[in-house]
Amino acid sequence: MKLPNVLRGTPLRLALLAIFCVAIYVHPTGAEAKKRPKIQTEATAGPAYATRDDAMRFADDLAQRRDLDREWVRQIIGQARMVPRITRLMQPPAVGVAKNWRAYRSRFVEPLRIRAGVQFWQDNRAALARAEAEYGVPAAIIVGVLGVETIYGQQMGSFRVLDALTTLAFDFPPSHPRAEARSAYFKGELEQFLQRAHRTDTDPLAPLGSYAGALGLPQFMPTSVARYAIDFDGDGTVDLVHSAADAIGSVANYFKAFHWQPGLPTHFPVTFDPARLDLEALLAPDILPTFSATSFQARGAVLTGEALAHSGPLALVELQNGEAPPSYVAGTENFYAITRYNWSSYYAMAVIELGQAVAEEMAQRPANEAERGK
């Protein structure tokens, strides 16, 4: 997740599911239905929002501001149900739990995702190549995002999107330190979701997604669909659930909107000169690229190779490894662009390294296949 500003500090498990998504859900038919596993909706034991005055006041206000049918809005929001499990999943992380990049990485850069990534790349080679040519975003980065997010559509979420967004809009855990801001954020996403459903005359009760209300292969939130999702397969509709091409093009378009620079590496190796190291100063801007290569090295960071000729800003990215020493890289503006999809350096590195692993496996395939043919 690149997560929006109101979601900074979100637990990593949320960050992976709350990344901006939504498309109009269409039930698969024919061969498509056979390929996809049946998704079961999560049990919704909580009460319906039709009895909540705050939800109904929001419905009336939304209808007036967006020029929507008042009774339609009240009826739809009234059918949403509070899901207790969602509120539990949104609780702040336990105090004292150490971040661990190596453990985090092992969840995503692993054989299942790599094999699925190779198959996805082979099945969608043309769309990936076209997205790279038109938007400048490498196929490996797009493949990395879709693999981390949903294992290429295998795990797109089983919560009803309407329930998830409404629960988080009106029952975000009050114990969370940013509960008010996040509640407001999810009200905005609920508004965008309902407006799109009304405009396209689609059923807002049908879409399934994550417990944060994200759905589709790239896990876009409703606002991101409105801003960045595109019809990349040219069939006249934007479908992030069933169209791999639309998902590929939309991810590329998202990164272009956040200033992806074609040909620029995402990061460089970095070591330290202990005699000059000012780690506090290097980490102060967090993952925002701030330092020139010269000022970076003046504070004790050591760059080599092509990094020395890098003319853009750099950030020192720290990846903690539990009780072991942290890992560090020098992040470029393209590393930062990936974190706009999910405000987490751990997420960004998982995307990068999964994409690299899939690309390496793809490169080995011809040689392996030729060896087997002997």
Protein backbone atom coordinates (compact mmCIF):
# COMPACT_ATOMS: atom_id res chain seq x y z
CA MET A 1 0.00 0.00 0.00
CA LYS A 2 1.00 2.95 -1.26
CA LEU A 3 -1.14 4.33 1.26
CA PRO A 4 -2.40 7.91 1.26
CA ASN A 5 -1.13 10.25 3.94
CA VAL A 6 -3.95 9.47 6.34
CA LEU A 7 -2.84 5.83 6.35
CA ARG A 8 0.81 6.39 7.22
CA GLY A 9 1.88 4.21 10.12
CA THR A 10 -0.58 1.50 9.17
CA PRO A 11 0.44 -2.05 10.13
CA LEU A 12 2.17 -3.88 7.29
CA ARG A 13 -0.64 -6.44 7.02
CA LEU A 14 -3.05 -3.58 6.32
CA ALA A 15 -0.66 -1.88 3.99
CA LEU A 16 -0.68 -4.89 1.70
CA LEU A 17 -4.43 -4.94 1.48
CA ALA A 18 -5.33 -1.28 1.62
CA ILE A 19 -3.60 -0.24 -1.60
CA PHE A 20 -5.83 1.80 -3.80
CA CYS A 21 -8.29 -0.23 -5.78
CA VAL A 22 -11.73 -0.81 -7.20
CA ALA A 23 -13.29 -1.72 -10.47
CA ILE A 24 -16.80 -2.55 -11.48
CA TYR A 25 -17.37 -6.16 -10.52
CA VAL A 26 -18.73 -8.43 -13.21
CA HIS A 27 -19.37 -12.10 -12.52
CA PRO A 28 -17.14 -14.27 -14.73
CA THR A 29 -18.81 -16.50 -17.25
CA GLY A 30 -17.82 -19.51 -19.33
CA ALA A 31 -14.13 -20.35 -19.39
CA GLU A 32 -13.33 -17.36 -17.17
CA ALA A 33 -15.61 -18.70 -14.44
CA LYS A 34 -13.89 -22.07 -14.57
CA LYS A 35 -10.43 -20.54 -14.21
CA ARG A 36 -11.22 -18.50 -11.13
CA PRO A 37 -11.82 -19.99 -7.69
CA LYS A 38 -15.18 -19.24 -6.14
CA ILE A 39 -14.88 -16.43 -3.60
CA GLN A 40 -16.95 -16.64 -0.45
CA THR A 41 -18.16 -13.48 1.25
CA GLU A 42 -17.02 -13.01 4.84
CA ALA A 43 -19.72 -13.51 7.45
CA THR A 44 -21.24 -10.19 8.47
CA ALA A 45 -22.67 -10.69 11.91
CA GLY A 46 -22.95 -7.01 12.78
CA PRO A 47 -26.07 -4.84 12.46
CA ALA A 48 -27.15 -3.13 9.25
CA TYR A 49 -26.45 0.60 9.00
CA ALA A 50 -30.08 1.42 8.20
CA THR A 51 -30.59 1.87 11.95
CA ARG A 52 -27.66 4.28 12.36
CA ASP A 53 -28.54 7.96 12.39
CA ASP A 54 -24.98 9.00 11.55
CA ALA A 55 -24.92 6.75 8.48
CA MET A 56 -28.28 8.02 7.28
CA ARG A 57 -27.24 11.66 7.77
CA PHE A 58 -24.14 10.92 5.71
CA ALA A 59 -26.35 9.34 3.02
CA ASP A 60 -28.55 12.43 2.84
CA ASP A 61 -25.56 14.74 2.65
CA LEU A 62 -23.88 12.61 0.00
CA ALA A 63 -27.00 12.52 -2.13
CA GLN A 64 -27.32 16.29 -2.01
CA ARG A 65 -23.65 17.06 -2.72
CA ARG A 66 -23.28 14.51 -5.53
CA ASP A 67 -26.75 15.00 -6.98
CA LEU A 68 -27.66 11.34 -6.41
CA ASP A 69 -31.06 9.83 -5.74
CA ARG A 70 -31.55 10.22 -1.97
CA GLU A 71 -33.57 7.04 -1.49
CA TRP A 72 -31.09 5.00 -3.50
CA VAL A 73 -28.17 6.19 -1.38
CA ARG A 74 -30.05 5.57 1.88
CA GLN A 75 -31.12 2.13 0.73
CA ILE A 76 -27.61 1.06 -0.29
CA ILE A 77 -25.85 2.36 2.81
CA GLY A 78 -28.68 0.94 4.90
CA GLN A 79 -27.94 -2.54 3.53
CA ALA A 80 -24.28 -2.35 4.52
CA ARG A 81 -23.42 -4.33 7.62
CA MET A 82 -20.82 -3.69 10.27
CA VAL A 83 -18.14 -6.40 10.18
CA PRO A 84 -16.50 -6.84 13.61
CA ARG A 85 -13.53 -8.68 12.11
CA ILE A 86 -12.62 -5.62 10.07
CA THR A 87 -12.47 -3.41 13.13
CA ARG A 88 -10.21 -5.98 14.82
CA LEU A 89 -7.89 -6.08 11.83
CA MET A 90 -7.58 -2.29 11.94
CA GLN A 91 -6.33 -2.20 15.52
CA PRO A 92 -2.87 -0.66 15.96
CA PRO A 93 0.04 -3.14 16.04
CA ALA A 94 1.24 -4.42 19.37
CA VAL A 95 3.79 -2.18 21.06
CA GLY A 96 7.33 -3.50 20.88
CA VAL A 97 6.93 -5.73 17.82
CA ALA A 98 10.16 -5.31 15.87
CA LYS A 99 10.08 -4.97 12.08
CA ASN A 100 11.99 -7.64 10.22
CA TRP A 101 12.78 -7.16 6.54
CA ARG A 102 14.08 -10.70 6.06
CA ALA A 103 10.93 -12.22 7.48
CA TYR A 104 8.76 -9.79 5.51
CA ARG A 105 10.64 -10.54 2.29
CA SER A 106 10.23 -14.28 2.72
CA ARG A 107 6.43 -13.88 2.59
CA PHE A 108 6.54 -12.43 -0.92
CA VAL A 109 9.75 -13.43 -2.66
CA GLU A 110 9.00 -17.12 -2.53
CA PRO A 111 8.46 -20.01 -4.99
CA LEU A 112 4.66 -19.80 -5.26
CA ARG A 113 4.64 -16.14 -6.24
CA ILE A 114 7.65 -16.54 -8.52
CA ARG A 115 6.05 -19.42 -10.42
CA ALA A 116 2.75 -17.55 -10.66
CA GLY A 117 4.63 -14.45 -11.80
CA VAL A 118 6.37 -16.32 -14.59
CA GLN A 119 3.03 -17.67 -15.81
CA PHE A 120 1.43 -14.22 -15.59
CA TRP A 121 4.30 -12.64 -17.50
CA GLN A 122 4.12 -15.29 -20.22
CA ASP A 123 0.33 -14.95 -20.51
CA ASN A 124 0.46 -11.14 -20.66
CA ARG A 125 3.77 -10.49 -22.38
CA ALA A 126 2.28 -8.13 -24.99
CA ALA A 127 0.38 -5.97 -22.49
CA LEU A 128 3.43 -5.71 -20.21
CA ALA A 129 5.67 -4.74 -23.11
CA ARG A 130 3.18 -2.12 -24.30
CA ALA A 131 2.81 -0.66 -20.80
CA GLU A 132 6.58 -0.41 -20.48
CA ALA A 133 6.86 1.26 -23.88
CA GLU A 134 4.03 3.76 -23.26
CA TYR A 135 4.60 4.60 -19.59
CA GLY A 136 8.26 3.75 -19.04
CA VAL A 137 7.52 1.44 -16.10
CA PRO A 138 9.46 -1.84 -16.33
CA ALA A 139 7.42 -5.02 -16.68
CA ALA A 140 9.24 -6.43 -13.64
CA ILE A 141 7.90 -3.63 -11.42
CA ILE A 142 4.32 -4.15 -12.60
CA VAL A 143 4.66 -7.91 -12.14
CA GLY A 144 6.10 -7.32 -8.67
CA VAL A 145 3.17 -5.14 -7.63
CA LEU A 146 0.50 -7.57 -8.83
CA GLY A 147 2.32 -10.49 -7.22
CA VAL A 148 2.65 -8.83 -3.83
CA GLU A 149 -0.90 -7.49 -3.93
CA THR A 150 -2.97 -10.49 -4.99
CA ILE A 151 -0.70 -13.25 -6.39
CA TYR A 152 -1.91 -12.20 -9.84
CA GLY A 153 -5.59 -12.33 -8.95
CA GLN A 154 -5.56 -15.46 -6.78
CA GLN A 155 -6.25 -13.54 -3.56
CA MET A 156 -8.35 -10.44 -4.27
CA GLY A 157 -10.31 -10.47 -1.01
CA SER A 158 -13.58 -11.95 0.21
CA PHE A 159 -15.19 -9.03 2.05
CA ARG A 160 -18.08 -7.18 0.49
CA VAL A 161 -16.58 -3.81 -0.47
CA LEU A 162 -19.67 -1.92 0.66
CA ASP A 163 -19.47 -3.51 4.11
CA ALA A 164 -15.74 -2.84 4.44
CA LEU A 165 -15.92 0.82 3.47
CA THR A 166 -19.00 1.52 5.57
CA THR A 167 -17.56 -0.26 8.61
CA LEU A 168 -14.36 1.76 8.39
CA ALA A 169 -16.22 4.99 7.70
CA PHE A 170 -18.46 4.77 10.78
CA ASP A 171 -16.79 2.25 13.12
CA PHE A 172 -13.08 2.75 12.72
CA PRO A 173 -11.48 1.62 16.02
CA PRO A 174 -11.50 4.68 18.30
CA SER A 175 -8.38 3.39 20.06
CA HIS A 176 -6.34 4.03 16.93
CA PRO A 177 -4.22 7.20 17.27
CA ARG A 178 -5.50 8.54 13.92
CA ALA A 179 -9.03 7.23 14.08
CA GLU A 180 -10.71 10.51 13.14
CA ALA A 181 -8.55 11.09 10.06
CA ARG A 182 -8.93 7.52 8.87
CA SER A 183 -12.66 7.52 9.38
CA ALA A 184 -12.85 10.64 7.21
CA TYR A 185 -10.66 8.98 4.59
CA PHE A 186 -12.95 5.95 4.35
CA LYS A 187 -16.04 8.17 4.15
CA GLY A 188 -14.45 9.70 1.07
CA GLU A 189 -13.76 6.27 -0.42
CA LEU A 190 -17.33 5.14 0.29
CA GLU A 191 -18.60 8.27 -1.43
CA GLN A 192 -16.44 7.62 -4.49
CA PHE A 193 -17.51 3.97 -4.60
CA LEU A 194 -21.22 4.80 -4.50
CA GLN A 195 -20.93 7.61 -7.01
CA ARG A 196 -19.25 5.28 -9.52
CA ALA A 197 -21.82 2.54 -8.98
CA HIS A 198 -24.64 5.03 -9.50
CA ARG A 199 -23.07 6.52 -12.61
CA THR A 200 -22.35 3.15 -14.23
CA ASP A 201 -25.63 1.57 -13.09
CA THR A 202 -23.85 -1.36 -11.43
CA ASP A 203 -24.73 -3.21 -8.23
CA PRO A 204 -22.75 -1.79 -5.27
CA LEU A 205 -23.63 -4.89 -3.22
CA ALA A 206 -21.73 -7.25 -5.54
CA PRO A 207 -18.00 -6.33 -5.47
CA LEU A 208 -15.72 -8.27 -3.13
CA GLY A 209 -12.34 -7.09 -1.95
CA SER A 210 -9.99 -6.64 0.98
CA TYR A 211 -11.02 -5.67 4.48
CA ALA A 212 -9.96 -2.12 3.61
CA GLY A 213 -12.34 -1.97 0.65
CA ALA A 214 -9.72 -2.54 -2.05
CA LEU A 215 -10.36 -4.90 -4.93
CA GLY A 216 -9.07 -6.14 -8.22
CA LEU A 217 -5.66 -7.46 -9.24
CA PRO A 218 -3.89 -4.22 -8.29
CA GLN A 219 -5.99 -3.51 -5.16
CA PHE A 220 -6.95 0.05 -6.06
CA MET A 221 -9.17 2.02 -3.73
CA PRO A 222 -12.20 3.79 -5.32
CA THR A 223 -10.48 7.18 -5.55
CA SER A 224 -7.53 5.61 -7.34
CA VAL A 225 -9.86 3.94 -9.82
CA ALA A 226 -11.35 7.33 -10.64
CA ARG A 227 -7.94 8.93 -11.08
CA TYR A 228 -5.66 6.26 -12.50
CA ALA A 229 -7.52 3.18 -13.77
CA ILE A 230 -7.59 2.87 -17.56
CA ASP A 231 -9.16 0.69 -20.24
CA PHE A 232 -5.89 -0.83 -21.49
CA ASP A 233 -7.45 -3.73 -23.39
CA GLY A 234 -9.69 -1.37 -25.39
CA ASP A 235 -13.00 -3.12 -24.73
CA GLY A 236 -14.72 0.07 -23.61
CA THR A 237 -14.77 -0.68 -19.88
CA VAL A 238 -12.32 -0.48 -16.99
CA ASP A 239 -12.26 -3.89 -15.30
CA LEU A 240 -9.52 -4.42 -12.74
CA VAL A 241 -11.04 -7.71 -11.57
CA HIS A 242 -11.08 -9.75 -14.77
CA SER A 243 -8.85 -7.87 -17.21
CA ALA A 244 -5.14 -8.43 -16.63
CA ALA A 245 -4.43 -5.85 -19.34
CA ASP A 246 -6.48 -3.17 -17.56
CA ALA A 247 -4.67 -3.97 -14.30
CA ILE A 248 -1.27 -3.78 -16.00
CA GLY A 249 -2.00 -0.48 -17.73
CA SER A 250 -3.55 1.03 -14.62
CA VAL A 251 -0.53 0.22 -12.45
CA ALA A 252 1.78 1.72 -15.07
CA ASN A 253 -0.44 4.81 -15.32
CA TYR A 254 -0.42 5.15 -11.53
CA PHE A 255 3.36 5.18 -11.37
CA LYS A 256 3.63 7.63 -14.25
CA ALA A 257 1.28 9.95 -12.35
CA PHE A 258 3.69 9.76 -9.41
CA HIS A 259 6.62 10.80 -11.59
CA TRP A 260 8.20 7.48 -12.48
CA GLN A 261 11.39 8.19 -14.46
CA PRO A 262 12.10 5.69 -17.27
CA GLY A 263 15.55 4.13 -17.05
CA LEU A 264 16.27 5.31 -13.51
CA PRO A 265 17.21 2.54 -11.04
CA THR A 266 15.06 2.22 -7.94
CA HIS A 267 18.04 2.10 -5.58
CA PHE A 268 21.78 1.70 -5.24
CA PRO A 269 23.93 -0.26 -2.77
CA VAL A 270 25.32 1.78 0.09
CA THR A 271 27.88 1.24 2.83
CA PHE A 272 29.14 3.56 5.56
CA ASP A 273 32.34 5.29 6.56
CA PRO A 274 32.17 5.08 10.38
CA ALA A 275 34.52 8.04 10.80
CA ARG A 276 32.14 10.41 9.01
CA LEU A 277 28.78 8.72 9.49
CA ASP A 278 25.90 10.96 10.56
CA LEU A 279 23.14 8.34 10.51
CA GLU A 280 20.61 10.56 12.25
CA ALA A 281 20.91 13.24 9.56
CA LEU A 282 20.72 10.67 6.75
CA LEU A 283 17.56 9.12 8.16
CA ALA A 284 15.84 12.39 9.08
CA PRO A 285 14.00 12.84 5.73
CA ASP A 286 12.77 9.23 5.96
CA ILE A 287 12.28 7.79 2.45
CA LEU A 288 11.91 11.18 0.72
CA PRO A 289 14.86 11.61 -1.69
CA THR A 290 16.65 14.68 -0.36
CA PHE A 291 20.43 14.39 -0.69
CA SER A 292 22.62 14.85 -3.72
CA ALA A 293 25.24 12.13 -4.18
CA THR A 294 27.85 14.58 -2.87
CA SER A 295 25.91 15.59 0.26
CA PHE A 296 24.93 11.96 0.80
CA GLN A 297 28.57 10.91 0.94
CA ALA A 298 29.54 13.96 3.01
CA ARG A 299 27.42 12.48 5.80
CA GLY A 300 29.28 9.19 5.73
CA ALA A 301 27.37 7.15 3.15
CA VAL A 302 29.58 5.43 0.58
CA LEU A 303 28.41 5.00 -3.01
CA THR A 304 30.09 3.09 -5.81
CA GLY A 305 29.73 2.48 -9.54
CA GLU A 306 26.85 4.16 -11.38
CA ALA A 307 25.54 5.65 -8.14
CA LEU A 308 28.44 8.11 -8.17
CA ALA A 309 27.15 9.62 -11.40
CA HIS A 310 23.54 9.81 -10.23
CA SER A 311 22.37 13.40 -10.60
CA GLY A 312 19.05 13.18 -8.76
CA PRO A 313 18.24 13.18 -5.04
CA LEU A 314 18.75 10.15 -2.82
CA ALA A 315 17.28 8.86 0.44
CA LEU A 316 18.82 6.48 2.91
CA VAL A 317 16.33 3.62 3.24
CA GLU A 318 16.60 1.59 6.43
CA LEU A 319 15.13 -1.90 6.60
CA GLN A 320 15.18 -3.30 10.10
CA ASN A 321 15.93 -6.99 10.64
CA GLY A 322 14.62 -7.64 14.12
CA GLU A 323 17.54 -8.07 16.48
CA ALA A 324 20.02 -8.32 13.59
CA PRO A 325 21.63 -5.22 12.05
CA PRO A 326 19.43 -3.28 9.62
CA SER A 327 19.83 -3.37 5.86
CA TYR A 328 20.33 -0.13 3.95
CA VAL A 329 20.00 1.06 0.35
CA ALA A 330 20.17 4.44 -1.34
CA GLY A 331 16.68 5.02 -2.70
CA THR A 332 16.06 7.10 -5.82
CA GLU A 333 12.95 8.96 -6.93
CA ASN A 334 11.67 5.72 -8.49
CA PHE A 335 11.93 3.95 -5.14
CA TYR A 336 9.89 6.79 -3.69
CA ALA A 337 7.35 6.40 -6.52
CA ILE A 338 6.74 2.80 -5.49
CA THR A 339 6.09 3.93 -1.93
CA ARG A 340 3.31 6.17 -3.25
CA TYR A 341 1.47 2.93 -4.01
CA ASN A 342 2.07 1.81 -0.42
CA TRP A 343 3.74 4.00 2.18
CA SER A 344 6.24 1.35 3.19
CA SER A 345 9.87 0.87 2.23
CA TYR A 346 9.46 -2.83 3.07
CA TYR A 347 6.62 -3.07 0.56
CA ALA A 348 8.66 -1.27 -2.10
CA MET A 349 11.63 -3.60 -1.70
CA ALA A 350 9.37 -6.66 -1.79
CA VAL A 351 7.86 -5.42 -5.08
CA ILE A 352 11.31 -4.76 -6.54
CA GLU A 353 12.83 -8.06 -5.47
CA LEU A 354 9.83 -10.19 -6.44
CA GLY A 355 9.85 -8.59 -9.88
CA GLN A 356 13.59 -9.25 -10.17
CA ALA A 357 13.16 -12.88 -9.12
CA VAL A 358 10.43 -13.43 -11.71
CA ALA A 359 12.53 -11.74 -14.41
CA GLU A 360 15.52 -13.93 -13.55
CA GLU A 361 13.38 -17.06 -13.73
CA MET A 362 11.99 -15.89 -17.07
CA ALA A 363 15.52 -15.42 -18.39
CA GLN A 364 16.50 -18.93 -17.32
CA ARG A 365 13.47 -20.59 -18.86
CA PRO A 366 14.80 -20.88 -22.44
CA ALA A 367 18.06 -22.40 -21.21
CA ASN A 368 16.25 -24.80 -18.87
CA GLU A 369 13.82 -25.85 -21.57
CA ALA A 370 16.64 -26.42 -24.05
CA GLU A 371 18.49 -28.52 -21.47
CA ARG A 372 15.40 -30.67 -20.90
CA GLY A 373 15.05 -31.14 -24.68
CA LYS A 374 18.46 -32.74 -25.09
